[in-house]
């Protein structure tokens, strides 16, 4: 009788007990075969049918102390699979090695407290001149790159992608404009050479970068979704150095574009796709701009992305307070 009871229990479990599926180990792919890599590590936690990643926006252009360190603690509480950036991670704007080392060490020390991988991306503060470009490549590897995670393609673009001569022209004009702003020399910022340069606000992209991402898109024609991240809004530039030629290649797939730089949040539908400018994660803010706020972005990648922007002031710990960045 006892053996019959055991058999019945076993049959009941086979028929009625739902077996939990084994977690699927995600696939991480890239094409960087040597030298430094622009991410912190390649150890990801197992995922289920969807995964969530986070994005931080501008720290600099007048960083406010403690904001990014707090964001790191909040991201650890939110526990995304990984974190992306859209640039302006240091103050930059210098050719002095010791200053660059100090600023990047400071950023990386705070970022190292994340419990998940972090993907670097450069902005105008990070890639202001050829010296800084070289410093980046020695420390983080390529300035633009791609990766695939769980059948989602990420294009990480460099919006400061100019020929060296043009980069120096922009750098020198910027230095003069900063002297006007600080009162070191006379003049009006709005009348400066730098102010009228299109690269100041909307950046630029080389043919080499365009060719690189065109080949990447050809290699991955059937991914579930494509995310295009950059610092400056290359899509606002109308000539061949803007995003237009790559948008033509992107046209027949599902994709989302995200950038920073303006320190003011906005979203629009362009060519049938979502284009978002993020606010800040510690960068300077215009107090008269209601869309200038500190936030982190969470993207849950289900059948299509579910994007949520969380104001840092509302991400509270168990005690009901904004966690300390210490």
Protein backbone atom coordinates (compact mmCIF):
# COMPACT_ATOMS: atom_id res chain seq x y z
CA UNK A 1 0.00 0.00 0.00
CA UNK A 2 2.82 2.32 0.88
CA UNK A 3 4.51 1.69 -2.49
CA UNK A 4 1.24 2.50 -4.30
CA UNK A 5 1.00 5.82 -2.43
CA UNK A 6 4.55 6.75 -3.37
CA UNK A 7 3.83 5.91 -7.01
CA UNK A 8 0.68 8.03 -7.03
CA UNK A 9 2.55 11.01 -5.57
CA UNK A 10 5.27 10.63 -8.18
CA UNK A 11 2.71 10.48 -11.03
CA UNK A 12 0.91 13.54 -9.64
CA UNK A 13 4.15 15.52 -9.61
CA UNK A 14 4.97 14.49 -13.16
CA UNK A 15 1.50 15.56 -14.35
CA UNK A 16 0.86 18.62 -12.25
CA UNK A 17 4.15 20.05 -11.02
CA UNK A 18 5.44 22.74 -13.37
CA UNK A 19 9.14 22.32 -14.02
CA UNK A 20 11.16 25.53 -13.92
CA UNK A 21 13.08 26.19 -17.16
CA UNK A 22 16.85 26.32 -16.92
CA UNK A 23 18.16 29.91 -17.16
CA UNK A 24 19.61 30.70 -20.56
CA UNK A 25 23.15 31.99 -20.67
CA UNK A 26 23.15 35.06 -22.94
CA UNK A 27 25.49 35.36 -25.90
CA UNK A 28 27.90 38.29 -25.90
CA UNK A 29 29.70 39.05 -29.15
CA UNK A 30 32.14 41.73 -30.31
CA UNK A 31 34.93 42.18 -32.83
CA UNK A 32 37.72 43.57 -30.65
CA UNK A 33 40.50 40.98 -30.76
CA UNK A 34 43.44 42.80 -29.19
CA UNK A 35 44.33 45.68 -26.91
CA UNK A 36 42.08 47.34 -24.31
CA UNK A 37 38.33 46.90 -24.44
CA UNK A 38 35.80 49.69 -23.73
CA UNK A 39 33.90 47.75 -21.08
CA UNK A 40 34.76 46.70 -17.56
CA UNK A 41 34.12 42.95 -17.74
CA UNK A 42 32.26 40.22 -19.61
CA UNK A 43 30.63 38.43 -16.68
CA UNK A 44 26.84 38.63 -16.98
CA UNK A 45 24.21 37.09 -14.76
CA UNK A 46 21.88 34.55 -16.39
CA UNK A 47 18.75 36.01 -17.95
CA UNK A 48 15.24 34.77 -18.65
CA UNK A 49 13.01 35.71 -21.58
CA UNK A 50 13.94 39.38 -21.27
CA UNK A 51 16.68 41.44 -19.71
CA UNK A 52 17.05 45.00 -18.45
CA UNK A 53 19.89 47.42 -19.04
CA UNK A 54 20.44 50.95 -17.80
CA UNK A 55 21.81 54.15 -19.34
CA UNK A 56 23.42 57.10 -17.62
CA UNK A 57 23.67 60.55 -19.18
CA UNK A 58 26.08 63.49 -18.92
CA UNK A 59 28.15 63.83 -15.76
CA UNK A 60 30.14 66.79 -17.00
CA UNK A 61 29.84 70.21 -18.46
CA UNK A 62 29.87 71.35 -14.83
CA UNK A 63 29.70 68.17 -12.74
CA UNK A 64 27.88 68.46 -9.41
CA UNK A 65 29.75 66.52 -6.77
CA UNK A 66 28.20 63.34 -5.44
CA UNK A 67 25.42 62.92 -8.01
CA UNK A 68 27.06 60.19 -10.08
CA UNK A 69 28.27 58.33 -6.98
CA UNK A 70 24.66 58.28 -5.78
CA UNK A 71 23.50 57.04 -9.19
CA UNK A 72 25.93 54.12 -8.90
CA UNK A 73 24.32 53.08 -5.60
CA UNK A 74 20.84 53.43 -7.08
CA UNK A 75 21.78 51.35 -10.12
CA UNK A 76 23.04 48.60 -7.82
CA UNK A 77 19.63 48.60 -6.13
CA UNK A 78 17.85 48.48 -9.50
CA UNK A 79 20.20 45.66 -10.62
CA UNK A 80 20.16 45.92 -14.45
CA UNK A 81 22.18 43.38 -16.44
CA UNK A 82 24.61 46.10 -17.57
CA UNK A 83 24.94 49.90 -17.78
CA UNK A 84 25.62 52.02 -20.88
CA UNK A 85 26.75 55.65 -21.13
CA UNK A 86 26.27 58.43 -23.67
CA UNK A 87 29.48 60.34 -22.89
CA UNK A 88 30.86 63.37 -21.06
CA UNK A 89 32.25 61.24 -18.27
CA UNK A 90 35.13 63.57 -17.30
CA UNK A 91 35.73 67.33 -17.46
CA UNK A 92 38.55 66.90 -19.99
CA UNK A 93 39.45 69.69 -22.39
CA UNK A 94 43.18 69.35 -21.68
CA UNK A 95 46.33 67.83 -23.16
CA UNK A 96 48.02 67.24 -19.80
CA UNK A 97 48.50 63.53 -19.10
CA UNK A 98 48.49 63.88 -15.33
CA UNK A 99 45.15 65.72 -15.33
CA UNK A 100 43.55 63.19 -17.67
CA UNK A 101 44.84 60.32 -15.56
CA UNK A 102 43.47 61.90 -12.38
CA UNK A 103 40.05 62.55 -13.91
CA UNK A 104 39.69 59.09 -15.46
CA UNK A 105 40.93 57.43 -12.27
CA UNK A 106 38.26 59.32 -10.34
CA UNK A 107 35.52 58.28 -12.75
CA UNK A 108 36.64 54.67 -12.93
CA UNK A 109 36.97 54.42 -9.14
CA UNK A 110 33.33 55.41 -8.73
CA UNK A 111 32.20 53.23 -11.64
CA UNK A 112 34.02 50.20 -10.20
CA UNK A 113 31.41 50.14 -7.41
CA UNK A 114 28.77 48.98 -9.92
CA UNK A 115 27.80 45.33 -9.51
CA UNK A 116 27.43 44.85 -13.27
CA UNK A 117 29.40 45.63 -16.46
CA UNK A 118 29.68 49.25 -17.59
CA UNK A 119 30.20 50.28 -21.23
CA UNK A 120 32.14 53.50 -21.87
CA UNK A 121 31.22 55.95 -24.61
CA UNK A 122 32.97 59.24 -25.31
CA UNK A 123 31.53 62.75 -25.55
CA UNK A 124 33.08 66.11 -26.37
CA UNK A 125 34.50 66.42 -22.84
CA UNK A 126 36.16 63.00 -23.17
CA UNK A 127 37.46 63.43 -26.74
CA UNK A 128 38.26 67.12 -27.02
CA UNK A 129 41.58 66.90 -28.87
CA UNK A 130 43.92 64.35 -30.52
CA UNK A 131 45.80 63.83 -27.25
CA UNK A 132 42.59 62.87 -25.45
CA UNK A 133 41.61 60.62 -28.33
CA UNK A 134 44.94 58.79 -27.99
CA UNK A 135 44.52 58.61 -24.20
CA UNK A 136 41.05 57.05 -24.66
CA UNK A 137 42.30 54.45 -27.11
CA UNK A 138 45.17 53.46 -24.81
CA UNK A 139 42.84 53.10 -21.85
CA UNK A 140 39.54 51.90 -23.31
CA UNK A 141 40.28 50.77 -26.87
CA UNK A 142 38.11 51.84 -29.84
CA UNK A 143 36.14 55.06 -29.75
CA UNK A 144 33.23 53.43 -31.60
CA UNK A 145 32.23 49.80 -31.40
CA UNK A 146 29.32 47.39 -31.32
CA UNK A 147 28.18 44.39 -29.34
CA UNK A 148 25.29 41.93 -29.37
CA UNK A 149 23.60 40.79 -26.18
CA UNK A 150 20.81 38.22 -26.25
CA UNK A 151 19.97 38.97 -29.92
CA UNK A 152 19.94 42.75 -29.38
CA UNK A 153 22.50 44.83 -31.29
CA UNK A 154 24.12 47.91 -29.74
CA UNK A 155 25.89 50.52 -31.90
CA UNK A 156 28.12 52.69 -29.70
CA UNK A 157 29.03 55.72 -31.81
CA UNK A 158 31.65 58.47 -31.61
CA UNK A 159 30.05 61.82 -32.36
CA UNK A 160 33.47 63.57 -32.07
CA UNK A 161 34.82 61.71 -35.10
CA UNK A 162 36.68 64.43 -37.04
CA UNK A 163 39.89 64.53 -39.04
CA UNK A 164 42.78 65.62 -36.80
CA UNK A 165 43.13 69.03 -38.46
CA UNK A 166 39.44 69.79 -37.98
CA UNK A 167 39.57 68.50 -34.42
CA UNK A 168 42.36 70.97 -33.61
CA UNK A 169 40.42 73.83 -35.22
CA UNK A 170 37.44 73.02 -33.02
CA UNK A 171 39.66 72.61 -29.95
CA UNK A 172 41.38 75.96 -30.43
CA UNK A 173 38.11 77.78 -31.16
CA UNK A 174 36.60 76.19 -28.03
CA UNK A 175 39.54 77.35 -25.90
CA UNK A 176 39.08 80.91 -27.12
CA UNK A 177 35.34 80.79 -26.49
CA UNK A 178 35.94 79.60 -22.91
CA UNK A 179 38.24 82.59 -22.36
CA UNK A 180 35.45 84.89 -23.56
CA UNK A 181 33.01 83.23 -21.15
CA UNK A 182 35.45 83.56 -18.23
CA UNK A 183 36.22 87.21 -19.06
CA UNK A 184 39.90 86.59 -19.86
CA UNK A 185 39.41 88.19 -23.28
CA UNK A 186 36.77 90.54 -24.64
CA UNK A 187 33.96 89.43 -26.90
CA UNK A 188 30.57 87.75 -26.97
CA UNK A 189 30.32 83.97 -26.83
CA UNK A 190 27.43 83.99 -29.30
CA UNK A 191 29.67 85.80 -31.81
CA UNK A 192 32.64 83.45 -31.37
CA UNK A 193 33.89 81.11 -34.08
CA UNK A 194 33.19 78.11 -31.87
CA UNK A 195 29.56 79.06 -31.34
CA UNK A 196 28.87 78.96 -35.09
CA UNK A 197 30.59 75.59 -35.66
CA UNK A 198 28.04 72.81 -36.33
CA UNK A 199 30.27 70.35 -34.49
CA UNK A 200 29.71 72.26 -31.24
CA UNK A 201 26.14 71.06 -30.92
CA UNK A 202 25.56 68.20 -33.38
CA UNK A 203 28.98 66.58 -33.81
CA UNK A 204 30.27 64.72 -36.84
CA UNK A 205 31.01 61.22 -38.13
CA UNK A 206 33.77 60.02 -40.46
CA UNK A 207 33.31 57.84 -43.53
CA UNK A 208 35.33 55.16 -41.73
CA UNK A 209 32.82 55.03 -38.88
CA UNK A 210 29.92 54.98 -41.33
CA UNK A 211 31.55 52.10 -43.18
CA UNK A 212 32.18 50.21 -39.95
CA UNK A 213 28.58 50.37 -38.76
CA UNK A 214 27.22 49.67 -42.24
CA UNK A 215 29.15 46.38 -42.23
CA UNK A 216 27.97 45.60 -38.70
CA UNK A 217 24.34 46.06 -39.77
CA UNK A 218 24.91 43.77 -42.76
CA UNK A 219 26.37 41.15 -40.43
CA UNK A 220 23.33 41.25 -38.12
CA UNK A 221 20.27 41.75 -40.37
CA UNK A 222 17.77 39.84 -38.23
CA UNK A 223 18.43 40.81 -34.61
CA UNK A 224 15.42 41.43 -32.40
CA UNK A 225 16.22 45.14 -31.93
CA UNK A 226 18.99 47.66 -32.57
CA UNK A 227 19.99 50.47 -30.18
CA UNK A 228 22.06 53.39 -31.50
CA UNK A 229 23.83 55.40 -28.79
CA UNK A 230 25.89 58.56 -29.23
CA UNK A 231 26.75 61.71 -27.31
CA UNK A 232 25.77 64.52 -29.68
CA UNK A 233 22.67 64.20 -31.88
CA UNK A 234 24.30 63.27 -35.19
CA UNK A 235 20.79 62.82 -36.56
CA UNK A 236 20.32 66.62 -36.45
CA UNK A 237 23.21 67.14 -38.88
CA UNK A 238 21.89 67.17 -42.44
CA UNK A 239 25.08 66.63 -44.47
CA UNK A 240 27.12 63.47 -45.14
CA UNK A 241 28.82 63.70 -41.74
CA UNK A 242 25.51 63.29 -39.93
CA UNK A 243 23.53 60.15 -39.16
CA UNK A 244 21.43 60.31 -42.36
CA UNK A 245 23.46 57.81 -44.43
CA UNK A 246 23.36 55.28 -41.59
CA UNK A 247 19.64 55.90 -41.02
CA UNK A 248 19.14 54.75 -44.61
CA UNK A 249 20.83 51.45 -43.72
CA UNK A 250 18.78 51.19 -40.52
CA UNK A 251 15.49 51.93 -42.25
CA UNK A 252 14.18 48.36 -42.59
CA UNK A 253 14.74 47.25 -39.01
CA UNK A 254 13.44 48.05 -35.53
CA UNK A 255 15.76 50.52 -33.81
CA UNK A 256 15.94 53.20 -31.11
CA UNK A 257 18.32 56.20 -30.97
CA UNK A 258 19.52 57.68 -27.66
CA UNK A 259 21.92 60.60 -27.08
CA UNK A 260 22.88 63.17 -24.46
CA UNK A 261 24.81 66.48 -24.65
CA UNK A 262 21.98 69.04 -24.30
CA UNK A 263 21.39 68.37 -20.57
CA UNK A 264 17.66 68.54 -21.23
CA UNK A 265 15.30 65.62 -21.75
CA UNK A 266 13.21 65.26 -24.90
CA UNK A 267 11.73 62.51 -27.04
CA UNK A 268 10.42 62.53 -30.58
CA UNK A 269 9.40 60.16 -33.34
CA UNK A 270 11.66 60.50 -36.37
CA UNK A 271 11.25 58.35 -39.46
CA UNK A 272 8.90 56.14 -37.48
CA UNK A 273 11.39 55.47 -34.67
CA UNK A 274 11.97 56.78 -31.15
CA UNK A 275 14.79 59.33 -30.68
CA UNK A 276 15.52 60.39 -27.10
CA UNK A 277 17.81 63.07 -25.70
CA UNK A 278 18.63 62.26 -22.09
CA UNK A 279 18.88 64.79 -19.28
CA UNK A 280 21.80 64.55 -16.85
CA UNK A 281 23.35 62.21 -14.29
CA UNK A 282 25.34 64.90 -12.53
CA UNK A 283 26.04 67.44 -15.29
CA UNK A 284 25.17 71.14 -15.12
CA UNK A 285 21.52 72.17 -15.42
CA UNK A 286 19.59 75.24 -16.47
CA UNK A 287 17.34 76.07 -13.49
CA UNK A 288 14.78 77.60 -15.88
CA UNK A 289 14.49 74.34 -17.87
CA UNK A 290 11.86 71.99 -16.43
CA UNK A 291 13.28 69.11 -18.49
CA UNK A 292 16.77 69.48 -17.02
CA UNK A 293 16.83 66.79 -14.34
CA UNK A 294 19.07 64.00 -13.06
CA UNK A 295 17.90 60.55 -14.02
CA UNK A 296 18.86 57.04 -15.03
CA UNK A 297 17.13 55.14 -17.82
CA UNK A 298 16.00 51.53 -17.56
CA UNK A 299 15.26 49.53 -20.70
CA UNK A 300 13.51 46.18 -20.36
CA UNK A 301 14.08 44.28 -23.57
CA UNK A 302 10.99 42.13 -24.11
CA UNK A 303 9.48 41.68 -27.60
CA UNK A 304 10.16 45.39 -27.96
CA UNK A 305 11.90 47.77 -25.55
CA UNK A 306 10.04 49.12 -22.55
CA UNK A 307 11.87 52.33 -21.63
CA UNK A 308 11.50 53.96 -18.22
CA UNK A 309 13.25 57.16 -17.13
CA UNK A 310 13.69 57.33 -13.37
CA UNK A 311 14.40 60.67 -11.71
CA UNK A 312 17.14 60.10 -9.18
CA UNK A 313 15.26 62.08 -6.55
CA UNK A 314 12.59 59.34 -6.58
CA UNK A 315 14.85 56.28 -6.32
CA UNK A 316 14.78 55.59 -2.59
CA UNK A 317 16.37 52.92 -0.42
CA UNK A 318 14.65 50.78 2.21
CA UNK A 319 14.73 53.66 4.66
CA UNK A 320 12.86 55.89 2.19
CA UNK A 321 15.80 58.17 1.40
CA UNK A 322 18.05 58.71 -1.61
CA UNK A 323 21.00 56.37 -0.98
CA UNK A 324 24.30 57.95 -0.06
CA UNK A 325 26.97 57.95 -2.74
CA UNK A 326 29.68 57.38 -0.12
